[in-house]
Amino acid sequence: MKFKVLLVIIFCSFANLANAEEVFFTNDRCSGLKSTIENLILLTDGQWGKLLTNPNDNGAASELSWTMNLAENYSSLYSVFCAKN
């Protein structure tokens, strides 16, 4: 039984090493990520407008903050994995 478990672990390790060269962030995925970032930035323009008309609207402020944080996180992913492409 221990021998079979050991064989399975070794097989999984070799299978993992065989797929190590596969690139997850291809040019298509990177361009999709870039367009998503652009759309999120464009979306914040409308949210700023809602917040400027009613500065006390906590919902609009939360929505704007969430969108800006998401754009920042996606930008970090893009700069790490896609900037070299």
PDB file of N, CA and C in Angstrom:
ATOM      1  N   MET A   1       0.831  -1.198   0.000  1.00  0.00           N
ATOM      2  CA  MET A   1       0.000   0.000   0.000  1.00  0.00           C
ATOM      3  C   MET A   1       0.874   1.260   0.000  1.00  0.00           C
ATOM      4  N   LYS A   2       1.896   1.271   0.843  1.00  0.00           N
ATOM      5  CA  LYS A   2       2.785   2.434   0.900  1.00  0.00           C
ATOM      6  C   LYS A   2       3.496   2.633  -0.427  1.00  0.00           C
ATOM      7  N   PHE A   3       3.841   1.524  -1.068  1.00  0.00           N
ATOM      8  CA  PHE A   3       4.526   1.593  -2.344  1.00  0.00           C
ATOM      9  C   PHE A   3       3.623   2.234  -3.410  1.00  0.00           C
ATOM     10  N   LYS A   4       2.344   1.890  -3.412  1.00  0.00           N
ATOM     11  CA  LYS A   4       1.398   2.462  -4.376  1.00  0.00           C
ATOM     12  C   LYS A   4       1.222   3.957  -4.147  1.00  0.00           C
ATOM     13  N   VAL A   5       1.134   4.359  -2.896  1.00  0.00           N
ATOM     14  CA  VAL A   5       1.000   5.779  -2.574  1.00  0.00           C
ATOM     15  C   VAL A   5       2.242   6.535  -3.021  1.00  0.00           C
ATOM     16  N   LEU A   6       3.398   5.945  -2.790  1.00  0.00           N
ATOM     17  CA  LEU A   6       4.654   6.556  -3.212  1.00  0.00           C
ATOM     18  C   LEU A   6       4.710   6.690  -4.730  1.00  0.00           C
ATOM     19  N   LEU A   7       4.258   5.676  -5.449  1.00  0.00           N
ATOM     20  CA  LEU A   7       4.227   5.739  -6.907  1.00  0.00           C
ATOM     21  C   LEU A   7       3.292   6.841  -7.407  1.00  0.00           C
ATOM     22  N   VAL A   8       2.160   6.982  -6.768  1.00  0.00           N
ATOM     23  CA  VAL A   8       1.209   8.031  -7.159  1.00  0.00           C
ATOM     24  C   VAL A   8       1.814   9.409  -6.927  1.00  0.00           C
ATOM     25  N   ILE A   9       2.476   9.601  -5.817  1.00  0.00           N
ATOM     26  CA  ILE A   9       3.108  10.890  -5.515  1.00  0.00           C
ATOM     27  C   ILE A   9       4.210  11.185  -6.521  1.00  0.00           C
ATOM     28  N   ILE A  10       5.015  10.200  -6.847  1.00  0.00           N
ATOM     29  CA  ILE A  10       6.087  10.406  -7.831  1.00  0.00           C
ATOM     30  C   ILE A  10       5.499  10.710  -9.200  1.00  0.00           C
ATOM     31  N   PHE A  11       4.470   9.981  -9.590  1.00  0.00           N
ATOM     32  CA  PHE A  11       3.828  10.228 -10.878  1.00  0.00           C
ATOM     33  C   PHE A  11       3.257  11.636 -10.954  1.00  0.00           C
ATOM     34  N   CYS A  12       2.595  12.078  -9.893  1.00  0.00           N
ATOM     35  CA  CYS A  12       2.027  13.433  -9.871  1.00  0.00           C
ATOM     36  C   CYS A  12       3.122  14.491  -9.936  1.00  0.00           C
ATOM     37  N   SER A  13       4.228  14.231  -9.292  1.00  0.00           N
ATOM     38  CA  SER A  13       5.345  15.186  -9.332  1.00  0.00           C
ATOM     39  C   SER A  13       5.902  15.318 -10.737  1.00  0.00           C
ATOM     40  N   PHE A  14       6.081  14.188 -11.426  1.00  0.00           N
ATOM     41  CA  PHE A  14       6.583  14.244 -12.795  1.00  0.00           C
ATOM     42  C   PHE A  14       5.574  14.875 -13.742  1.00  0.00           C
ATOM     43  N   ALA A  15       4.305  14.607 -13.536  1.00  0.00           N
ATOM     44  CA  ALA A  15       3.278  15.210 -14.378  1.00  0.00           C
ATOM     45  C   ALA A  15       3.250  16.719 -14.182  1.00  0.00           C
ATOM     46  N   ASN A  16       3.457  17.161 -12.958  1.00  0.00           N
ATOM     47  CA  ASN A  16       3.490  18.592 -12.672  1.00  0.00           C
ATOM     48  C   ASN A  16       4.694  19.246 -13.330  1.00  0.00           C
ATOM     49  N   LEU A  17       5.830  18.592 -13.296  1.00  0.00           N
ATOM     50  CA  LEU A  17       7.033  19.130 -13.920  1.00  0.00           C
ATOM     51  C   LEU A  17       6.906  19.173 -15.438  1.00  0.00           C
ATOM     52  N   ALA A  18       6.185  18.231 -16.009  1.00  0.00           N
ATOM     53  CA  ALA A  18       6.015  18.205 -17.458  1.00  0.00           C
ATOM     54  C   ALA A  18       5.192  19.390 -17.941  1.00  0.00           C
ATOM     55  N   ASN A  19       4.272  19.875 -17.135  1.00  0.00           N
ATOM     56  CA  ASN A  19       3.416  21.003 -17.523  1.00  0.00           C
ATOM     57  C   ASN A  19       3.961  22.337 -17.034  1.00  0.00           C
ATOM     58  N   ALA A  20       5.154  22.365 -16.489  1.00  0.00           N
ATOM     59  CA  ALA A  20       5.703  23.597 -15.923  1.00  0.00           C
ATOM     60  C   ALA A  20       6.013  24.636 -17.001  1.00  0.00           C
ATOM     61  N   GLU A  21       6.241  24.214 -18.222  1.00  0.00           N
ATOM     62  CA  GLU A  21       6.572  25.144 -19.294  1.00  0.00           C
ATOM     63  C   GLU A  21       5.337  25.818 -19.896  1.00  0.00           C
ATOM     64  N   GLU A  22       4.168  25.374 -19.545  1.00  0.00           N
ATOM     65  CA  GLU A  22       2.942  25.937 -20.104  1.00  0.00           C
ATOM     66  C   GLU A  22       2.743  27.363 -19.590  1.00  0.00           C
ATOM     67  N   VAL A  23       2.484  28.287 -20.495  1.00  0.00           N
ATOM     68  CA  VAL A  23       2.317  29.696 -20.144  1.00  0.00           C
ATOM     69  C   VAL A  23       0.837  29.967 -19.921  1.00  0.00           C
ATOM     70  N   PHE A  24       0.497  30.451 -18.735  1.00  0.00           N
ATOM     71  CA  PHE A  24      -0.901  30.738 -18.429  1.00  0.00           C
ATOM     72  C   PHE A  24      -1.330  32.076 -19.006  1.00  0.00           C
ATOM     73  N   PHE A  25      -0.474  33.101 -18.886  1.00  0.00           N
ATOM     74  CA  PHE A  25      -0.819  34.434 -19.376  1.00  0.00           C
ATOM     75  C   PHE A  25      -0.313  34.579 -20.807  1.00  0.00           C
ATOM     76  N   THR A  26      -1.107  34.090 -21.736  1.00  0.00           N
ATOM     77  CA  THR A  26      -0.779  34.224 -23.147  1.00  0.00           C
ATOM     78  C   THR A  26      -1.064  35.653 -23.590  1.00  0.00           C
ATOM     79  N   ASN A  27      -0.703  35.966 -24.829  1.00  0.00           N
ATOM     80  CA  ASN A  27      -0.961  37.316 -25.349  1.00  0.00           C
ATOM     81  C   ASN A  27      -2.456  37.612 -25.390  1.00  0.00           C
ATOM     82  N   ASP A  28      -3.269  36.606 -25.712  1.00  0.00           N
ATOM     83  CA  ASP A  28      -4.727  36.821 -25.731  1.00  0.00           C
ATOM     84  C   ASP A  28      -5.263  37.122 -24.342  1.00  0.00           C
ATOM     85  N   ARG A  29      -4.798  36.383 -23.356  1.00  0.00           N
ATOM     86  CA  ARG A  29      -5.254  36.640 -21.979  1.00  0.00           C
ATOM     87  C   ARG A  29      -4.772  37.992 -21.481  1.00  0.00           C
ATOM     88  N   CYS A  30      -3.553  38.361 -21.860  1.00  0.00           N
ATOM     89  CA  CYS A  30      -3.022  39.653 -21.434  1.00  0.00           C
ATOM     90  C   CYS A  30      -3.801  40.801 -22.077  1.00  0.00           C
ATOM     91  N   SER A  31      -4.164  40.658 -23.342  1.00  0.00           N
ATOM     92  CA  SER A  31      -4.946  41.722 -23.978  1.00  0.00           C
ATOM     93  C   SER A  31      -6.348  41.788 -23.391  1.00  0.00           C
ATOM     94  N   GLY A  32      -6.912  40.649 -23.014  1.00  0.00           N
ATOM     95  CA  GLY A  32      -8.210  40.647 -22.334  1.00  0.00           C
ATOM     96  C   GLY A  32      -8.132  41.304 -20.968  1.00  0.00           C
ATOM     97  N   LEU A  33      -7.050  41.040 -20.259  1.00  0.00           N
ATOM     98  CA  LEU A  33      -6.849  41.658 -18.949  1.00  0.00           C
ATOM     99  C   LEU A  33      -6.687  43.170 -19.093  1.00  0.00           C
ATOM    100  N   LYS A  34      -5.973  43.591 -20.127  1.00  0.00           N
ATOM    101  CA  LYS A  34      -5.775  45.024 -20.358  1.00  0.00           C
ATOM    102  C   LYS A  34      -7.098  45.705 -20.699  1.00  0.00           C
ATOM    103  N   SER A  35      -7.923  45.082 -21.509  1.00  0.00           N
ATOM    104  CA  SER A  35      -9.215  45.696 -21.842  1.00  0.00           C
ATOM    105  C   SER A  35     -10.140  45.731 -20.629  1.00  0.00           C
ATOM    106  N   THR A  36     -10.035  44.741 -19.750  1.00  0.00           N
ATOM    107  CA  THR A  36     -10.820  44.762 -18.510  1.00  0.00           C
ATOM    108  C   THR A  36     -10.397  45.921 -17.622  1.00  0.00           C
ATOM    109  N   ILE A  37      -9.103  46.163 -17.526  1.00  0.00           N
ATOM    110  CA  ILE A  37      -8.596  47.289 -16.735  1.00  0.00           C
ATOM    111  C   ILE A  37      -9.104  48.603 -17.317  1.00  0.00           C
ATOM    112  N   GLU A  38      -9.056  48.735 -18.646  1.00  0.00           N
ATOM    113  CA  GLU A  38      -9.543  49.951 -19.288  1.00  0.00           C
ATOM    114  C   GLU A  38     -11.029  50.164 -19.028  1.00  0.00           C
ATOM    115  N   ASN A  39     -11.811  49.095 -19.095  1.00  0.00           N
ATOM    116  CA  ASN A  39     -13.246  49.202 -18.828  1.00  0.00           C
ATOM    117  C   ASN A  39     -13.523  49.587 -17.378  1.00  0.00           C
ATOM    118  N   LEU A  40     -12.752  49.043 -16.453  1.00  0.00           N
ATOM    119  CA  LEU A  40     -12.942  49.411 -15.045  1.00  0.00           C
ATOM    120  C   LEU A  40     -12.605  50.884 -14.816  1.00  0.00           C
ATOM    121  N   ILE A  41     -11.559  51.369 -15.471  1.00  0.00           N
ATOM    122  CA  ILE A  41     -11.205  52.777 -15.323  1.00  0.00           C
ATOM    123  C   ILE A  41     -12.291  53.666 -15.919  1.00  0.00           C
ATOM    124  N   LEU A  42     -12.829  53.269 -17.057  1.00  0.00           N
ATOM    125  CA  LEU A  42     -13.932  54.033 -17.655  1.00  0.00           C
ATOM    126  C   LEU A  42     -15.173  53.996 -16.774  1.00  0.00           C
ATOM    127  N   LEU A  43     -15.388  52.882 -16.116  1.00  0.00           N
ATOM    128  CA  LEU A  43     -16.541  52.750 -15.222  1.00  0.00           C
ATOM    129  C   LEU A  43     -16.445  53.698 -14.035  1.00  0.00           C
ATOM    130  N   THR A  44     -15.228  53.979 -13.572  1.00  0.00           N
ATOM    131  CA  THR A  44     -15.075  54.868 -12.422  1.00  0.00           C
ATOM    132  C   THR A  44     -15.460  56.307 -12.752  1.00  0.00           C
ATOM    133  N   ASP A  45     -15.386  56.700 -14.034  1.00  0.00           N
ATOM    134  CA  ASP A  45     -15.797  58.059 -14.395  1.00  0.00           C
ATOM    135  C   ASP A  45     -17.252  58.313 -14.039  1.00  0.00           C
ATOM    136  N   GLY A  46     -18.118  57.383 -14.386  1.00  0.00           N
ATOM    137  CA  GLY A  46     -19.534  57.526 -14.052  1.00  0.00           C
ATOM    138  C   GLY A  46     -19.780  57.485 -12.557  1.00  0.00           C
ATOM    139  N   GLN A  47     -18.999  56.678 -11.862  1.00  0.00           N
ATOM    140  CA  GLN A  47     -19.165  56.587 -10.414  1.00  0.00           C
ATOM    141  C   GLN A  47     -18.703  57.863  -9.723  1.00  0.00           C
ATOM    142  N   TRP A  48     -17.663  58.497 -10.251  1.00  0.00           N
ATOM    143  CA  TRP A  48     -17.254  59.790  -9.695  1.00  0.00           C
ATOM    144  C   TRP A  48     -18.362  60.815  -9.888  1.00  0.00           C
ATOM    145  N   GLY A  49     -19.019  60.775 -11.046  1.00  0.00           N
ATOM    146  CA  GLY A  49     -20.120  61.708 -11.293  1.00  0.00           C
ATOM    147  C   GLY A  49     -21.251  61.537 -10.290  1.00  0.00           C
ATOM    148  N   LYS A  50     -21.607  60.275 -10.009  1.00  0.00           N
ATOM    149  CA  LYS A  50     -22.659  60.024  -9.012  1.00  0.00           C
ATOM    150  C   LYS A  50     -22.246  60.517  -7.638  1.00  0.00           C
ATOM    151  N   LEU A  51     -20.986  60.325  -7.303  1.00  0.00           N
ATOM    152  CA  LEU A  51     -20.504  60.728  -5.981  1.00  0.00           C
ATOM    153  C   LEU A  51     -20.408  62.246  -5.865  1.00  0.00           C
ATOM    154  N   LEU A  52     -20.054  62.922  -6.943  1.00  0.00           N
ATOM    155  CA  LEU A  52     -19.961  64.384  -6.896  1.00  0.00           C
ATOM    156  C   LEU A  52     -21.329  65.044  -6.794  1.00  0.00           C
ATOM    157  N   THR A  53     -22.351  64.431  -7.394  1.00  0.00           N
ATOM    158  CA  THR A  53     -23.698  65.007  -7.275  1.00  0.00           C
ATOM    159  C   THR A  53     -24.274  64.798  -5.883  1.00  0.00           C
ATOM    160  N   ASN A  54     -23.906  63.712  -5.223  1.00  0.00           N
ATOM    161  CA  ASN A  54     -24.385  63.438  -3.876  1.00  0.00           C
ATOM    162  C   ASN A  54     -23.215  62.918  -3.035  1.00  0.00           C
ATOM    163  N   PRO A  55     -22.445  63.823  -2.414  1.00  0.00           N
ATOM    164  CA  PRO A  55     -21.246  63.407  -1.666  1.00  0.00           C
ATOM    165  C   PRO A  55     -21.543  62.536  -0.444  1.00  0.00           C
ATOM    166  N   ASN A  56     -22.764  62.534   0.043  1.00  0.00           N
ATOM    167  CA  ASN A  56     -23.108  61.758   1.238  1.00  0.00           C
ATOM    168  C   ASN A  56     -23.567  60.338   0.911  1.00  0.00           C
ATOM    169  N   ASP A  57     -23.545  59.967  -0.363  1.00  0.00           N
ATOM    170  CA  ASP A  57     -24.010  58.641  -0.778  1.00  0.00           C
ATOM    171  C   ASP A  57     -22.919  57.605  -0.493  1.00  0.00           C
ATOM    172  N   ASN A  58     -23.105  56.868   0.591  1.00  0.00           N
ATOM    173  CA  ASN A  58     -22.117  55.852   0.979  1.00  0.00           C
ATOM    174  C   ASN A  58     -22.065  54.694  -0.004  1.00  0.00           C
ATOM    175  N   GLY A  59     -23.192  54.385  -0.624  1.00  0.00           N
ATOM    176  CA  GLY A  59     -23.223  53.299  -1.604  1.00  0.00           C
ATOM    177  C   GLY A  59     -22.377  53.619  -2.818  1.00  0.00           C
ATOM    178  N   ALA A  60     -22.484  54.854  -3.309  1.00  0.00           N
ATOM    179  CA  ALA A  60     -21.685  55.263  -4.462  1.00  0.00           C
ATOM    180  C   ALA A  60     -20.200  55.300  -4.105  1.00  0.00           C
ATOM    181  N   ALA A  61     -19.889  55.725  -2.885  1.00  0.00           N
ATOM    182  CA  ALA A  61     -18.487  55.761  -2.449  1.00  0.00           C
ATOM    183  C   ALA A  61     -17.918  54.347  -2.332  1.00  0.00           C
ATOM    184  N   SER A  62     -18.700  53.431  -1.809  1.00  0.00           N
ATOM    185  CA  SER A  62     -18.245  52.041  -1.693  1.00  0.00           C
ATOM    186  C   SER A  62     -18.062  51.407  -3.063  1.00  0.00           C
ATOM    187  N   GLU A  63     -18.996  51.691  -3.962  1.00  0.00           N
ATOM    188  CA  GLU A  63     -18.915  51.160  -5.312  1.00  0.00           C
ATOM    189  C   GLU A  63     -17.680  51.689  -6.038  1.00  0.00           C
ATOM    190  N   LEU A  64     -17.403  52.967  -5.878  1.00  0.00           N
ATOM    191  CA  LEU A  64     -16.230  53.575  -6.491  1.00  0.00           C
ATOM    192  C   LEU A  64     -14.950  52.990  -5.901  1.00  0.00           C
ATOM    193  N   SER A  65     -14.904  52.841  -4.610  1.00  0.00           N
ATOM    194  CA  SER A  65     -13.726  52.283  -3.942  1.00  0.00           C
ATOM    195  C   SER A  65     -13.478  50.849  -4.392  1.00  0.00           C
ATOM    196  N   TRP A  66     -14.540  50.062  -4.486  1.00  0.00           N
ATOM    197  CA  TRP A  66     -14.414  48.672  -4.913  1.00  0.00           C
ATOM    198  C   TRP A  66     -13.888  48.593  -6.344  1.00  0.00           C
ATOM    199  N   THR A  67     -14.427  49.426  -7.227  1.00  0.00           N
ATOM    200  CA  THR A  67     -14.006  49.407  -8.627  1.00  0.00           C
ATOM    201  C   THR A  67     -12.556  49.842  -8.777  1.00  0.00           C
ATOM    202  N   MET A  68     -12.159  50.863  -8.041  1.00  0.00           N
ATOM    203  CA  MET A  68     -10.770  51.327  -8.120  1.00  0.00           C
ATOM    204  C   MET A  68      -9.799  50.285  -7.563  1.00  0.00           C
ATOM    205  N   ASN A  69     -10.172  49.616  -6.481  1.00  0.00           N
ATOM    206  CA  ASN A  69      -9.324  48.558  -5.922  1.00  0.00           C
ATOM    207  C   ASN A  69      -9.193  47.388  -6.889  1.00  0.00           C
ATOM    208  N   LEU A  70     -10.296  47.047  -7.551  1.00  0.00           N
ATOM    209  CA  LEU A  70     -10.259  45.959  -8.518  1.00  0.00           C
ATOM    210  C   LEU A  70      -9.369  46.314  -9.704  1.00  0.00           C
ATOM    211  N   ALA A  71      -9.474  47.549 -10.190  1.00  0.00           N
ATOM    212  CA  ALA A  71      -8.617  47.993 -11.288  1.00  0.00           C
ATOM    213  C   ALA A  71      -7.145  47.980 -10.859  1.00  0.00           C
ATOM    214  N   GLU A  72      -6.881  48.373  -9.626  1.00  0.00           N
ATOM    215  CA  GLU A  72      -5.501  48.362  -9.126  1.00  0.00           C
ATOM    216  C   GLU A  72      -4.952  46.938  -9.040  1.00  0.00           C
ATOM    217  N   ASN A  73      -5.775  46.008  -8.553  1.00  0.00           N
ATOM    218  CA  ASN A  73      -5.334  44.613  -8.446  1.00  0.00           C
ATOM    219  C   ASN A  73      -5.074  44.012  -9.827  1.00  0.00           C
ATOM    220  N   TYR A  74      -5.970  44.283 -10.780  1.00  0.00           N
ATOM    221  CA  TYR A  74      -5.770  43.780 -12.137  1.00  0.00           C
ATOM    222  C   TYR A  74      -4.542  44.416 -12.772  1.00  0.00           C
ATOM    223  N   SER A  75      -4.297  45.682 -12.475  1.00  0.00           N
ATOM    224  CA  SER A  75      -3.107  46.356 -13.005  1.00  0.00           C
ATOM    225  C   SER A  75      -1.834  45.731 -12.451  1.00  0.00           C
ATOM    226  N   SER A  76      -1.871  45.335 -11.199  1.00  0.00           N
ATOM    227  CA  SER A  76      -0.715  44.664 -10.608  1.00  0.00           C
ATOM    228  C   SER A  76      -0.459  43.326 -11.298  1.00  0.00           C
ATOM    229  N   LEU A  77      -1.524  42.568 -11.557  1.00  0.00           N
ATOM    230  CA  LEU A  77      -1.370  41.312 -12.284  1.00  0.00           C
ATOM    231  C   LEU A  77      -0.791  41.550 -13.671  1.00  0.00           C
ATOM    232  N   TYR A  78      -1.294  42.577 -14.345  1.00  0.00           N
ATOM    233  CA  TYR A  78      -0.814  42.875 -15.690  1.00  0.00           C
ATOM    234  C   TYR A  78       0.663  43.262 -15.672  1.00  0.00           C
ATOM    235  N   SER A  79       1.040  44.091 -14.721  1.00  0.00           N
ATOM    236  CA  SER A  79       2.445  44.539 -14.692  1.00  0.00           C
ATOM    237  C   SER A  79       3.400  43.401 -14.345  1.00  0.00           C
ATOM    238  N   VAL A  80       2.951  42.431 -13.549  1.00  0.00           N
ATOM    239  CA  VAL A  80       3.813  41.321 -13.171  1.00  0.00           C
ATOM    240  C   VAL A  80       3.902  40.277 -14.279  1.00  0.00           C
ATOM    241  N   PHE A  81       2.762  39.888 -14.845  1.00  0.00           N
ATOM    242  CA  PHE A  81       2.751  38.753 -15.756  1.00  0.00           C
ATOM    243  C   PHE A  81       2.711  39.122 -17.240  1.00  0.00           C
ATOM    244  N   CYS A  82       2.274  40.318 -17.576  1.00  0.00           N
ATOM    245  CA  CYS A  82       2.065  40.636 -18.980  1.00  0.00           C
ATOM    246  C   CYS A  82       2.962  41.739 -19.515  1.00  0.00           C
ATOM    247  N   ALA A  83       3.595  42.507 -18.685  1.00  0.00           N
ATOM    248  CA  ALA A  83       4.396  43.637 -19.158  1.00  0.00           C
ATOM    249  C   ALA A  83       5.586  43.174 -19.985  1.00  0.00           C
ATOM    250  N   LYS A  84       6.089  42.003 -19.724  1.00  0.00           N
ATOM    251  CA  LYS A  84       7.242  41.494 -20.465  1.00  0.00           C
ATOM    252  C   LYS A  84       6.864  41.018 -21.864  1.00  0.00           C
ATOM    253  N   ASN A  85       5.582  40.751 -22.099  1.00  0.00           N
ATOM    254  CA  ASN A  85       5.144  40.255 -23.422  1.00  0.00           C
ATOM    255  C   ASN A  85       5.178  41.377 -24.387  1.00  0.00           C
TER     256      ASN A  85
END
